[in-house]
Amino acid sequence: MIGHHRPYIVGIGGTPRLGSTAEMALRHCLKAAEALGADTELISGPALELAIFDPGNPHRPPAARRLVQAIRRADGVMLSSPAYHGTLSGFIKNALDYVEDLRDGPAPYLEGRAVGCIVCADGTQAIGTALVTLRSIIHSLRGWPTPFAATVNAAAKPFAGGGPLDEQLAAQLAKVAGQVMEFAEMRRQYDSSRRAPDDLRVRAPAG
């Protein structure tokens, strides 16, 4: 890793119920990022049970502060949402609303971060619309949704039984992790080059 820095990737997703399909998919994706050299943090299950975001109330409970602090220091983000009625879940949307607390920071919202997308649905019909919505929100928050997204048909119960993961799904999740890590490394190289002394920067030839 550049400068011996291990990228920090935060995963946000699943449902308040532990072990949901969206959570398990996110865990696999984070594990793939760890295999590529990342430090990771998972925010899922009861940690998603946040008070409805109120921009007029400056008080933030511990779970909300943890979420915002994790995103603030993240080099990359992974989001995994179930598709409810054609869109992402309210829990994930509410968690993303708390990114508003980063608006005045040095990297406002999700600026400069790749965001990997995972969408799970009980069937395939709702996956497309939920994914489009998720990517639109990431754009609005100045993040960079990865070109590739993983889609999971929860009706197939891909994580049941604890056996090996379907190769195609495993490849999808690894692809998302790889693109988040690739962008994080490119961004770090770019930031390092901007901080380098002028005499160490690569100059274009004259003429």
C-alpha atoms as a PDB file:
ATOM      1  CA  MET A   1       0.000   0.000   0.000  1.00  0.00           C
ATOM      2  CA  ILE A   2       1.148   3.523  -0.804  1.00  0.00           C
ATOM      3  CA  GLY A   3       3.085   4.966   2.119  1.00  0.00           C
ATOM      4  CA  HIS A   4       2.227   1.798   4.083  1.00  0.00           C
ATOM      5  CA  HIS A   5      -1.324   3.140   4.381  1.00  0.00           C
ATOM      6  CA  ARG A   6      -4.066   0.532   4.590  1.00  0.00           C
ATOM      7  CA  PRO A   7      -7.253   1.897   3.038  1.00  0.00           C
ATOM      8  CA  TYR A   8     -10.130   2.100   5.464  1.00  0.00           C
ATOM      9  CA  ILE A   9     -13.411   0.907   3.965  1.00  0.00           C
ATOM     10  CA  VAL A  10     -16.701   1.258   5.827  1.00  0.00           C
ATOM     11  CA  GLY A  11     -19.680  -0.921   4.941  1.00  0.00           C
ATOM     12  CA  ILE A  12     -23.202   0.281   5.714  1.00  0.00           C
ATOM     13  CA  GLY A  13     -26.157  -1.933   5.034  1.00  0.00           C
ATOM     14  CA  GLY A  14     -28.454  -4.774   5.815  1.00  0.00           C
ATOM     15  CA  THR A  15     -31.469  -4.430   8.057  1.00  0.00           C
ATOM     16  CA  PRO A  16     -31.954  -4.128  11.832  1.00  0.00           C
ATOM     17  CA  ARG A  17     -32.276  -7.923  11.797  1.00  0.00           C
ATOM     18  CA  LEU A  18     -28.900  -9.575  12.190  1.00  0.00           C
ATOM     19  CA  GLY A  19     -27.930 -11.949   9.405  1.00  0.00           C
ATOM     20  CA  SER A  20     -30.100 -10.488   6.652  1.00  0.00           C
ATOM     21  CA  THR A  21     -29.193 -11.226   3.042  1.00  0.00           C
ATOM     22  CA  ALA A  22     -28.050  -7.633   2.530  1.00  0.00           C
ATOM     23  CA  GLU A  23     -25.821  -7.830   5.603  1.00  0.00           C
ATOM     24  CA  MET A  24     -24.270 -11.155   4.561  1.00  0.00           C
ATOM     25  CA  ALA A  25     -23.554  -9.832   1.072  1.00  0.00           C
ATOM     26  CA  LEU A  26     -21.894  -6.784   2.603  1.00  0.00           C
ATOM     27  CA  ARG A  27     -19.800  -8.948   4.926  1.00  0.00           C
ATOM     28  CA  HIS A  28     -18.507 -10.944   1.963  1.00  0.00           C
ATOM     29  CA  CYS A  29     -17.706  -7.741   0.088  1.00  0.00           C
ATOM     30  CA  LEU A  30     -15.793  -6.315   3.052  1.00  0.00           C
ATOM     31  CA  LYS A  31     -13.925  -9.605   3.420  1.00  0.00           C
ATOM     32  CA  ALA A  32     -12.862  -9.334  -0.226  1.00  0.00           C
ATOM     33  CA  ALA A  33     -11.592  -5.802   0.467  1.00  0.00           C
ATOM     34  CA  GLU A  34      -9.639  -7.087   3.468  1.00  0.00           C
ATOM     35  CA  ALA A  35      -7.999  -9.679   1.225  1.00  0.00           C
ATOM     36  CA  LEU A  36      -6.841  -6.763  -0.934  1.00  0.00           C
ATOM     37  CA  GLY A  37      -5.279  -5.003   2.055  1.00  0.00           C
ATOM     38  CA  ALA A  38      -8.057  -2.889   3.576  1.00  0.00           C
ATOM     39  CA  ASP A  39      -9.068  -2.248   7.140  1.00  0.00           C
ATOM     40  CA  THR A  40     -12.856  -2.418   7.319  1.00  0.00           C
ATOM     41  CA  GLU A  41     -15.775  -1.569   9.576  1.00  0.00           C
ATOM     42  CA  LEU A  42     -19.318  -2.905   9.334  1.00  0.00           C
ATOM     43  CA  ILE A  43     -22.341  -0.838  10.352  1.00  0.00           C
ATOM     44  CA  SER A  44     -25.393  -3.075  10.219  1.00  0.00           C
ATOM     45  CA  GLY A  45     -28.087  -4.707  12.311  1.00  0.00           C
ATOM     46  CA  PRO A  46     -29.173  -2.687  15.380  1.00  0.00           C
ATOM     47  CA  ALA A  47     -26.585  -0.002  14.490  1.00  0.00           C
ATOM     48  CA  LEU A  48     -28.979   1.050  11.717  1.00  0.00           C
ATOM     49  CA  GLU A  49     -31.775   1.824  14.173  1.00  0.00           C
ATOM     50  CA  LEU A  50     -31.068   5.539  14.170  1.00  0.00           C
ATOM     51  CA  ALA A  51     -33.460   8.316  15.057  1.00  0.00           C
ATOM     52  CA  ILE A  52     -34.991   9.952  11.997  1.00  0.00           C
ATOM     53  CA  PHE A  53     -32.456  12.499  10.805  1.00  0.00           C
ATOM     54  CA  ASP A  54     -33.400  16.008  11.932  1.00  0.00           C
ATOM     55  CA  PRO A  55     -31.096  18.718  10.555  1.00  0.00           C
ATOM     56  CA  GLY A  56     -32.477  21.177  13.098  1.00  0.00           C
ATOM     57  CA  ASN A  57     -31.483  19.058  16.085  1.00  0.00           C
ATOM     58  CA  PRO A  58     -27.718  19.187  16.764  1.00  0.00           C
ATOM     59  CA  HIS A  59     -27.840  16.292  19.254  1.00  0.00           C
ATOM     60  CA  ARG A  60     -26.537  13.033  17.828  1.00  0.00           C
ATOM     61  CA  PRO A  61     -26.825   9.730  19.709  1.00  0.00           C
ATOM     62  CA  PRO A  62     -23.715   7.509  19.909  1.00  0.00           C
ATOM     63  CA  ALA A  63     -24.743   5.295  16.979  1.00  0.00           C
ATOM     64  CA  ALA A  64     -25.165   8.314  14.695  1.00  0.00           C
ATOM     65  CA  ARG A  65     -21.818   9.770  15.794  1.00  0.00           C
ATOM     66  CA  ARG A  66     -20.124   6.451  15.067  1.00  0.00           C
ATOM     67  CA  LEU A  67     -21.663   6.370  11.594  1.00  0.00           C
ATOM     68  CA  VAL A  68     -20.598   9.914  10.723  1.00  0.00           C
ATOM     69  CA  GLN A  69     -17.096   9.466  12.133  1.00  0.00           C
ATOM     70  CA  ALA A  70     -16.619   6.233  10.173  1.00  0.00           C
ATOM     71  CA  ILE A  71     -17.621   7.894   6.914  1.00  0.00           C
ATOM     72  CA  ARG A  72     -15.457  10.935   7.684  1.00  0.00           C
ATOM     73  CA  ARG A  73     -12.288   8.839   7.875  1.00  0.00           C
ATOM     74  CA  ALA A  74     -13.230   6.342   5.160  1.00  0.00           C
ATOM     75  CA  ASP A  75     -11.223   5.978   1.970  1.00  0.00           C
ATOM     76  CA  GLY A  76     -14.147   4.115   0.432  1.00  0.00           C
ATOM     77  CA  VAL A  77     -17.702   3.098   1.272  1.00  0.00           C
ATOM     78  CA  MET A  78     -19.864   0.074   0.513  1.00  0.00           C
ATOM     79  CA  LEU A  79     -23.648   0.264   0.681  1.00  0.00           C
ATOM     80  CA  SER A  80     -25.911  -2.775   0.744  1.00  0.00           C
ATOM     81  CA  SER A  81     -29.663  -2.297   0.756  1.00  0.00           C
ATOM     82  CA  PRO A  82     -32.677  -4.538   0.452  1.00  0.00           C
ATOM     83  CA  ALA A  83     -35.137  -3.373  -2.184  1.00  0.00           C
ATOM     84  CA  TYR A  84     -38.463  -2.470  -0.597  1.00  0.00           C
ATOM     85  CA  HIS A  85     -41.365  -1.626  -2.910  1.00  0.00           C
ATOM     86  CA  GLY A  86     -39.101  -0.662  -5.781  1.00  0.00           C
ATOM     87  CA  THR A  87     -36.531   1.406  -3.878  1.00  0.00           C
ATOM     88  CA  LEU A  88     -33.899   1.206  -1.140  1.00  0.00           C
ATOM     89  CA  SER A  89     -34.913   0.686   2.463  1.00  0.00           C
ATOM     90  CA  GLY A  90     -35.830   3.556   4.754  1.00  0.00           C
ATOM     91  CA  PHE A  91     -33.122   2.509   7.216  1.00  0.00           C
ATOM     92  CA  ILE A  92     -30.389   2.915   4.595  1.00  0.00           C
ATOM     93  CA  LYS A  93     -31.834   6.202   3.342  1.00  0.00           C
ATOM     94  CA  ASN A  94     -31.983   7.548   6.898  1.00  0.00           C
ATOM     95  CA  ALA A  95     -28.368   6.517   7.513  1.00  0.00           C
ATOM     96  CA  LEU A  96     -27.320   8.356   4.355  1.00  0.00           C
ATOM     97  CA  ASP A  97     -29.217  11.445   5.481  1.00  0.00           C
ATOM     98  CA  TYR A  98     -26.732  11.717   8.359  1.00  0.00           C
ATOM     99  CA  VAL A  99     -23.973  12.346   5.789  1.00  0.00           C
ATOM    100  CA  GLU A 100     -25.343  15.906   5.863  1.00  0.00           C
ATOM    101  CA  ASP A 101     -23.279  16.329   9.039  1.00  0.00           C
ATOM    102  CA  LEU A 102     -20.154  16.230   6.824  1.00  0.00           C
ATOM    103  CA  ARG A 103     -21.214  19.120   4.604  1.00  0.00           C
ATOM    104  CA  ASP A 104     -18.715  21.611   6.093  1.00  0.00           C
ATOM    105  CA  GLY A 105     -15.773  19.229   6.418  1.00  0.00           C
ATOM    106  CA  PRO A 106     -12.609  19.117   4.291  1.00  0.00           C
ATOM    107  CA  ALA A 107     -14.201  16.336   2.212  1.00  0.00           C
ATOM    108  CA  PRO A 108     -17.893  17.314   2.129  1.00  0.00           C
ATOM    109  CA  TYR A 109     -20.445  14.521   2.069  1.00  0.00           C
ATOM    110  CA  LEU A 110     -18.911  11.562   0.145  1.00  0.00           C
ATOM    111  CA  GLU A 111     -16.548  13.661  -1.952  1.00  0.00           C
ATOM    112  CA  GLY A 112     -13.450  11.824  -3.110  1.00  0.00           C
ATOM    113  CA  ARG A 113     -14.743   8.395  -2.146  1.00  0.00           C
ATOM    114  CA  ALA A 114     -15.767   5.461  -4.269  1.00  0.00           C
ATOM    115  CA  VAL A 115     -19.027   3.862  -3.158  1.00  0.00           C
ATOM    116  CA  GLY A 116     -19.715   0.236  -3.972  1.00  0.00           C
ATOM    117  CA  CYS A 117     -23.365  -0.709  -4.394  1.00  0.00           C
ATOM    118  CA  ILE A 118     -25.127  -3.944  -3.470  1.00  0.00           C
ATOM    119  CA  VAL A 119     -28.878  -4.397  -3.844  1.00  0.00           C
ATOM    120  CA  CYS A 120     -30.835  -7.425  -2.636  1.00  0.00           C
ATOM    121  CA  ALA A 121     -34.437  -8.284  -3.419  1.00  0.00           C
ATOM    122  CA  ASP A 122     -36.799 -11.230  -3.029  1.00  0.00           C
ATOM    123  CA  GLY A 123     -36.942 -11.677  -6.779  1.00  0.00           C
ATOM    124  CA  THR A 124     -35.412  -9.506  -9.472  1.00  0.00           C
ATOM    125  CA  GLN A 125     -38.052  -6.928 -10.379  1.00  0.00           C
ATOM    126  CA  ALA A 126     -37.191  -4.329  -7.718  1.00  0.00           C
ATOM    127  CA  ILE A 127     -33.412  -4.567  -8.044  1.00  0.00           C
ATOM    128  CA  GLY A 128     -33.042  -2.222 -11.020  1.00  0.00           C
ATOM    129  CA  THR A 129     -35.096   0.670  -9.670  1.00  0.00           C
ATOM    130  CA  ALA A 130     -33.525   0.391  -6.213  1.00  0.00           C
ATOM    131  CA  LEU A 131     -30.037   0.446  -7.727  1.00  0.00           C
ATOM    132  CA  VAL A 132     -30.795   3.508  -9.844  1.00  0.00           C
ATOM    133  CA  THR A 133     -32.091   5.321  -6.760  1.00  0.00           C
ATOM    134  CA  LEU A 134     -29.053   4.338  -4.696  1.00  0.00           C
ATOM    135  CA  ARG A 135     -26.665   5.579  -7.364  1.00  0.00           C
ATOM    136  CA  SER A 136     -28.602   8.845  -7.715  1.00  0.00           C
ATOM    137  CA  ILE A 137     -28.282   9.463  -3.971  1.00  0.00           C
ATOM    138  CA  ILE A 138     -24.536   8.774  -4.101  1.00  0.00           C
ATOM    139  CA  HIS A 139     -24.166  11.271  -6.954  1.00  0.00           C
ATOM    140  CA  SER A 140     -26.107  13.849  -4.946  1.00  0.00           C
ATOM    141  CA  LEU A 141     -23.707  13.286  -2.053  1.00  0.00           C
ATOM    142  CA  ARG A 142     -20.725  13.849  -4.407  1.00  0.00           C
ATOM    143  CA  GLY A 143     -19.592  10.227  -4.209  1.00  0.00           C
ATOM    144  CA  TRP A 144     -18.385   8.029  -7.063  1.00  0.00           C
ATOM    145  CA  PRO A 145     -20.589   4.942  -7.432  1.00  0.00           C
ATOM    146  CA  THR A 146     -18.511   2.091  -8.787  1.00  0.00           C
ATOM    147  CA  PRO A 147     -19.225   1.185 -12.412  1.00  0.00           C
ATOM    148  CA  PHE A 148     -20.103  -2.349 -11.345  1.00  0.00           C
ATOM    149  CA  ALA A 149     -22.792  -3.165  -8.769  1.00  0.00           C
ATOM    150  CA  ALA A 150     -23.664  -6.497  -7.196  1.00  0.00           C
ATOM    151  CA  THR A 151     -27.272  -7.683  -7.317  1.00  0.00           C
ATOM    152  CA  VAL A 152     -28.558 -10.482  -5.104  1.00  0.00           C
ATOM    153  CA  ASN A 153     -31.741 -12.503  -5.494  1.00  0.00           C
ATOM    154  CA  ALA A 154     -32.651 -13.147  -1.870  1.00  0.00           C
ATOM    155  CA  ALA A 155     -35.315 -15.655  -2.926  1.00  0.00           C
ATOM    156  CA  ALA A 156     -32.493 -18.036  -3.857  1.00  0.00           C
ATOM    157  CA  LYS A 157     -31.240 -17.915  -0.235  1.00  0.00           C
ATOM    158  CA  PRO A 158     -27.605 -17.593  -1.307  1.00  0.00           C
ATOM    159  CA  PHE A 159     -26.214 -17.530   2.236  1.00  0.00           C
ATOM    160  CA  ALA A 160     -28.297 -20.349   3.713  1.00  0.00           C
ATOM    161  CA  GLY A 161     -26.518 -23.355   5.165  1.00  0.00           C
ATOM    162  CA  GLY A 162     -23.120 -21.718   5.533  1.00  0.00           C
ATOM    163  CA  GLY A 163     -21.718 -23.524   2.502  1.00  0.00           C
ATOM    164  CA  PRO A 164     -19.550 -22.077  -0.265  1.00  0.00           C
ATOM    165  CA  LEU A 165     -20.991 -19.010  -1.941  1.00  0.00           C
ATOM    166  CA  ASP A 166     -22.211 -19.299  -5.512  1.00  0.00           C
ATOM    167  CA  GLU A 167     -19.264 -18.530  -7.772  1.00  0.00           C
ATOM    168  CA  GLN A 168     -21.106 -15.920  -9.805  1.00  0.00           C
ATOM    169  CA  LEU A 169     -22.265 -14.011  -6.727  1.00  0.00           C
ATOM    170  CA  ALA A 170     -18.824 -14.287  -5.127  1.00  0.00           C
ATOM    171  CA  ALA A 171     -17.311 -12.836  -8.292  1.00  0.00           C
ATOM    172  CA  GLN A 172     -19.789  -9.934  -8.240  1.00  0.00           C
ATOM    173  CA  LEU A 173     -18.980  -9.028  -4.653  1.00  0.00           C
ATOM    174  CA  ALA A 174     -15.235  -9.332  -5.287  1.00  0.00           C
ATOM    175  CA  LYS A 175     -15.591  -7.031  -8.305  1.00  0.00           C
ATOM    176  CA  VAL A 176     -17.302  -4.349  -6.226  1.00  0.00           C
ATOM    177  CA  ALA A 177     -14.602  -4.627  -3.559  1.00  0.00           C
ATOM    178  CA  GLY A 178     -11.863  -4.451  -6.168  1.00  0.00           C
ATOM    179  CA  GLN A 179     -13.251  -1.302  -7.764  1.00  0.00           C
ATOM    180  CA  VAL A 180     -13.653   0.463  -4.407  1.00  0.00           C
ATOM    181  CA  MET A 181     -10.066  -0.429  -3.500  1.00  0.00           C
ATOM    182  CA  GLU A 182      -8.712   0.563  -6.912  1.00  0.00           C
ATOM    183  CA  PHE A 183     -10.316   3.997  -6.682  1.00  0.00           C
ATOM    184  CA  ALA A 184      -9.120   4.473  -3.085  1.00  0.00           C
ATOM    185  CA  GLU A 185      -5.547   3.753  -4.162  1.00  0.00           C
ATOM    186  CA  MET A 186      -5.751   6.057  -7.184  1.00  0.00           C
ATOM    187  CA  ARG A 187      -7.181   8.815  -5.026  1.00  0.00           C
ATOM    188  CA  ARG A 188      -4.406   8.372  -2.479  1.00  0.00           C
ATOM    189  CA  GLN A 189      -1.764   8.561  -5.201  1.00  0.00           C
ATOM    190  CA  TYR A 190      -3.366  11.731  -6.513  1.00  0.00           C
ATOM    191  CA  ASP A 191      -3.482  13.334  -3.070  1.00  0.00           C
ATOM    192  CA  SER A 192       0.125  12.322  -2.402  1.00  0.00           C
ATOM    193  CA  SER A 193       1.294  13.864  -5.671  1.00  0.00           C
ATOM    194  CA  ARG A 194      -0.454  17.145  -4.817  1.00  0.00           C
ATOM    195  CA  ARG A 195       1.317  17.282  -1.459  1.00  0.00           C
ATOM    196  CA  ALA A 196       4.750  16.408  -2.894  1.00  0.00           C
ATOM    197  CA  PRO A 197       7.403  19.148  -3.184  1.00  0.00           C
ATOM    198  CA  ASP A 198       7.562  20.742  -6.603  1.00  0.00           C
ATOM    199  CA  ASP A 199      10.935  19.191  -7.401  1.00  0.00           C
ATOM    200  CA  LEU A 200       9.529  15.689  -6.848  1.00  0.00           C
ATOM    201  CA  ARG A 201       6.549  16.094  -9.125  1.00  0.00           C
ATOM    202  CA  VAL A 202       6.616  14.705 -12.626  1.00  0.00           C
ATOM    203  CA  ARG A 203       6.718  17.561 -15.097  1.00  0.00           C
ATOM    204  CA  ALA A 204       5.475  17.448 -18.664  1.00  0.00           C
ATOM    205  CA  PRO A 205       8.233  18.050 -21.229  1.00  0.00           C
ATOM    206  CA  ALA A 206       8.487  21.613 -22.507  1.00  0.00           C
ATOM    207  CA  GLY A 207       7.451  22.499 -25.994  1.00  0.00           C
END
